[in-house]
Amino acid sequence: MEKSKILEKAEAILENIRPYLQKDNGDVKIVDYEEDTHVLVVSLLGSCADCPLSLMTLRGGIEKLIIKNIPQIRRIENE
């Protein structure tokens, strides 16, 4: 799958996650997809950026859902 399709699909998945993050004054945006390492780089915003549970949100929520639906992505990293 080409990079633009992967980014498009990842964005669609994040649209489903965003309402939960925004409920706590947070958000997430895609920064880049590194094709050579299969890493999706995101930026946690608002309350999510400073939250002590942000790693849990990233790994247990965002990463788990995206990797399940987009096998080309092997890891999610926060910018």
N, C-alpha and C. Protein backbone atom coordinates (compact mmCIF):
# COMPACT_ATOMS: atom_id res chain seq x y z
N MET A 1 0.86 -1.18 0.00
CA MET A 1 0.00 0.00 0.00
C MET A 1 0.90 1.24 0.00
N GLU A 2 0.56 2.21 -0.79
CA GLU A 2 1.41 3.41 -0.88
C GLU A 2 1.20 4.33 0.33
N LYS A 3 2.18 5.18 0.57
CA LYS A 3 2.22 6.04 1.75
C LYS A 3 0.95 6.88 1.90
N SER A 4 0.47 7.47 0.81
CA SER A 4 -0.71 8.33 0.91
C SER A 4 -1.95 7.56 1.37
N LYS A 5 -2.08 6.32 0.92
CA LYS A 5 -3.22 5.48 1.33
C LYS A 5 -3.11 5.09 2.80
N ILE A 6 -1.89 4.80 3.24
CA ILE A 6 -1.67 4.45 4.64
C ILE A 6 -2.01 5.64 5.53
N LEU A 7 -1.57 6.83 5.15
CA LEU A 7 -1.86 8.03 5.92
C LEU A 7 -3.36 8.33 5.94
N GLU A 8 -4.01 8.13 4.81
CA GLU A 8 -5.45 8.36 4.70
C GLU A 8 -6.22 7.40 5.63
N LYS A 9 -5.83 6.15 5.62
CA LYS A 9 -6.49 5.15 6.45
C LYS A 9 -6.23 5.42 7.94
N ALA A 10 -5.00 5.79 8.28
CA ALA A 10 -4.66 6.12 9.67
C ALA A 10 -5.46 7.32 10.15
N GLU A 11 -5.62 8.31 9.31
CA GLU A 11 -6.40 9.50 9.66
C GLU A 11 -7.85 9.13 9.92
N ALA A 12 -8.40 8.24 9.12
CA ALA A 12 -9.79 7.80 9.32
C ALA A 12 -9.95 7.10 10.67
N ILE A 13 -8.97 6.31 11.06
CA ILE A 13 -9.01 5.63 12.36
C ILE A 13 -8.91 6.66 13.48
N LEU A 14 -8.04 7.64 13.33
CA LEU A 14 -7.90 8.67 14.36
C LEU A 14 -9.18 9.49 14.52
N GLU A 15 -9.93 9.65 13.44
CA GLU A 15 -11.20 10.38 13.52
C GLU A 15 -12.15 9.69 14.49
N ASN A 16 -12.06 8.37 14.60
CA ASN A 16 -12.90 7.63 15.54
C ASN A 16 -12.40 7.74 16.98
N ILE A 17 -11.11 7.97 17.14
CA ILE A 17 -10.51 8.07 18.47
C ILE A 17 -10.61 9.49 19.02
N ARG A 18 -10.54 10.47 18.14
CA ARG A 18 -10.48 11.88 18.55
C ARG A 18 -11.55 12.32 19.55
N PRO A 19 -12.82 11.95 19.36
CA PRO A 19 -13.83 12.43 20.32
C PRO A 19 -13.51 12.07 21.77
N TYR A 20 -12.90 10.92 21.99
CA TYR A 20 -12.53 10.50 23.34
C TYR A 20 -11.40 11.36 23.89
N LEU A 21 -10.45 11.69 23.03
CA LEU A 21 -9.33 12.54 23.46
C LEU A 21 -9.80 13.97 23.69
N GLN A 22 -10.65 14.45 22.79
CA GLN A 22 -11.14 15.83 22.88
C GLN A 22 -12.04 16.03 24.09
N LYS A 23 -12.67 14.96 24.54
CA LYS A 23 -13.50 15.04 25.74
C LYS A 23 -12.68 15.47 26.95
N ASP A 24 -11.39 15.13 26.94
CA ASP A 24 -10.47 15.52 28.01
C ASP A 24 -9.53 16.64 27.58
N ASN A 25 -9.96 17.42 26.59
CA ASN A 25 -9.18 18.55 26.07
C ASN A 25 -7.85 18.15 25.43
N GLY A 26 -7.83 16.98 24.83
CA GLY A 26 -6.63 16.51 24.13
C GLY A 26 -6.93 16.28 22.67
N ASP A 27 -5.92 15.85 21.93
CA ASP A 27 -6.08 15.52 20.51
C ASP A 27 -4.81 14.83 20.04
N VAL A 28 -4.86 14.37 18.80
CA VAL A 28 -3.71 13.72 18.19
C VAL A 28 -3.69 14.09 16.71
N LYS A 29 -2.49 14.29 16.18
CA LYS A 29 -2.37 14.54 14.74
C LYS A 29 -1.22 13.71 14.19
N ILE A 30 -1.35 13.35 12.93
CA ILE A 30 -0.30 12.59 12.25
C ILE A 30 0.78 13.56 11.79
N VAL A 31 2.02 13.20 12.06
CA VAL A 31 3.16 14.01 11.64
C VAL A 31 3.76 13.42 10.37
N ASP A 32 3.99 12.09 10.35
CA ASP A 32 4.61 11.45 9.19
C ASP A 32 4.49 9.94 9.30
N TYR A 33 4.67 9.28 8.18
CA TYR A 33 4.80 7.83 8.16
C TYR A 33 6.16 7.52 7.54
N GLU A 34 7.01 6.85 8.31
CA GLU A 34 8.35 6.50 7.83
C GLU A 34 8.28 5.11 7.20
N GLU A 35 8.28 5.09 5.88
CA GLU A 35 8.10 3.84 5.14
C GLU A 35 9.20 2.81 5.41
N ASP A 36 10.43 3.29 5.58
CA ASP A 36 11.55 2.35 5.76
C ASP A 36 11.49 1.62 7.10
N THR A 37 10.95 2.27 8.14
CA THR A 37 10.87 1.64 9.46
C THR A 37 9.45 1.21 9.82
N HIS A 38 8.49 1.58 8.98
CA HIS A 38 7.06 1.26 9.20
C HIS A 38 6.53 1.89 10.49
N VAL A 39 7.02 3.10 10.79
CA VAL A 39 6.63 3.82 12.00
C VAL A 39 5.74 5.01 11.61
N LEU A 40 4.59 5.11 12.29
CA LEU A 40 3.73 6.27 12.14
C LEU A 40 4.07 7.22 13.28
N VAL A 41 4.44 8.44 12.92
CA VAL A 41 4.80 9.44 13.92
C VAL A 41 3.59 10.34 14.13
N VAL A 42 3.17 10.48 15.39
CA VAL A 42 2.04 11.33 15.72
C VAL A 42 2.48 12.35 16.75
N SER A 43 1.64 13.33 16.96
CA SER A 43 1.87 14.32 17.99
C SER A 43 0.63 14.37 18.87
N LEU A 44 0.83 14.13 20.16
CA LEU A 44 -0.26 14.25 21.11
C LEU A 44 -0.38 15.72 21.48
N LEU A 45 -1.59 16.24 21.46
CA LEU A 45 -1.83 17.67 21.65
C LEU A 45 -2.68 17.95 22.88
N GLY A 46 -2.68 19.19 23.29
CA GLY A 46 -3.52 19.62 24.41
C GLY A 46 -3.17 18.87 25.69
N SER A 47 -4.20 18.45 26.40
CA SER A 47 -4.00 17.74 27.67
C SER A 47 -3.25 16.44 27.48
N CYS A 48 -3.37 15.83 26.32
CA CYS A 48 -2.68 14.56 26.05
C CYS A 48 -1.16 14.72 26.05
N ALA A 49 -0.68 15.89 25.68
CA ALA A 49 0.76 16.11 25.60
C ALA A 49 1.43 16.03 26.97
N ASP A 50 0.73 16.46 28.02
CA ASP A 50 1.30 16.51 29.36
C ASP A 50 0.79 15.43 30.29
N CYS A 51 -0.15 14.63 29.82
CA CYS A 51 -0.81 13.64 30.68
C CYS A 51 0.14 12.51 31.06
N PRO A 52 0.18 12.14 32.34
CA PRO A 52 1.04 11.03 32.76
C PRO A 52 0.60 9.68 32.16
N LEU A 53 -0.62 9.60 31.66
CA LEU A 53 -1.12 8.37 31.05
C LEU A 53 -1.01 8.39 29.52
N SER A 54 -0.31 9.37 28.97
CA SER A 54 -0.24 9.51 27.52
C SER A 54 0.41 8.29 26.84
N LEU A 55 1.40 7.69 27.49
CA LEU A 55 2.03 6.50 26.90
C LEU A 55 1.03 5.35 26.84
N MET A 56 0.20 5.23 27.85
CA MET A 56 -0.83 4.20 27.85
C MET A 56 -1.85 4.46 26.73
N THR A 57 -2.22 5.71 26.56
CA THR A 57 -3.15 6.09 25.49
C THR A 57 -2.53 5.76 24.13
N LEU A 58 -1.25 6.10 23.99
CA LEU A 58 -0.56 5.87 22.72
C LEU A 58 -0.42 4.38 22.42
N ARG A 59 0.10 3.61 23.36
CA ARG A 59 0.35 2.17 23.13
C ARG A 59 -0.92 1.32 23.19
N GLY A 60 -1.70 1.50 24.24
CA GLY A 60 -2.86 0.64 24.47
C GLY A 60 -4.08 1.01 23.66
N GLY A 61 -4.14 2.24 23.19
CA GLY A 61 -5.30 2.69 22.44
C GLY A 61 -4.99 2.93 20.98
N ILE A 62 -4.26 4.00 20.73
CA ILE A 62 -3.99 4.43 19.36
C ILE A 62 -3.19 3.39 18.58
N GLU A 63 -2.05 2.96 19.13
CA GLU A 63 -1.18 2.01 18.42
C GLU A 63 -1.90 0.69 18.17
N LYS A 64 -2.54 0.18 19.18
CA LYS A 64 -3.22 -1.11 19.07
C LYS A 64 -4.27 -1.09 17.96
N LEU A 65 -5.08 -0.05 17.92
CA LEU A 65 -6.14 0.05 16.92
C LEU A 65 -5.59 0.24 15.51
N ILE A 66 -4.59 1.08 15.38
CA ILE A 66 -4.03 1.35 14.04
C ILE A 66 -3.30 0.12 13.50
N ILE A 67 -2.47 -0.52 14.31
CA ILE A 67 -1.73 -1.70 13.85
C ILE A 67 -2.68 -2.83 13.48
N LYS A 68 -3.76 -2.97 14.23
CA LYS A 68 -4.75 -4.01 13.93
C LYS A 68 -5.37 -3.80 12.55
N ASN A 69 -5.58 -2.54 12.17
CA ASN A 69 -6.26 -2.21 10.92
C ASN A 69 -5.33 -1.89 9.75
N ILE A 70 -4.08 -1.57 10.05
CA ILE A 70 -3.12 -1.24 9.00
C ILE A 70 -1.84 -2.03 9.28
N PRO A 71 -1.73 -3.25 8.75
CA PRO A 71 -0.58 -4.11 9.06
C PRO A 71 0.77 -3.55 8.58
N GLN A 72 0.75 -2.61 7.65
CA GLN A 72 2.02 -2.01 7.19
C GLN A 72 2.67 -1.19 8.30
N ILE A 73 1.87 -0.68 9.22
CA ILE A 73 2.40 0.10 10.34
C ILE A 73 2.75 -0.88 11.46
N ARG A 74 3.98 -0.79 11.93
CA ARG A 74 4.43 -1.71 12.97
C ARG A 74 4.60 -1.04 14.33
N ARG A 75 4.63 0.30 14.34
CA ARG A 75 4.82 1.01 15.61
C ARG A 75 4.32 2.45 15.45
N ILE A 76 3.87 3.01 16.57
CA ILE A 76 3.47 4.41 16.62
C ILE A 76 4.42 5.11 17.57
N GLU A 77 4.94 6.24 17.17
CA GLU A 77 5.84 7.03 18.03
C GLU A 77 5.27 8.43 18.20
N ASN A 78 5.41 8.96 19.40
CA ASN A 78 5.03 10.35 19.65
C ASN A 78 6.20 11.26 19.29
N GLU A 79 5.92 12.31 18.61
CA GLU A 79 6.93 13.27 18.16
C GLU A 79 7.66 13.88 19.32
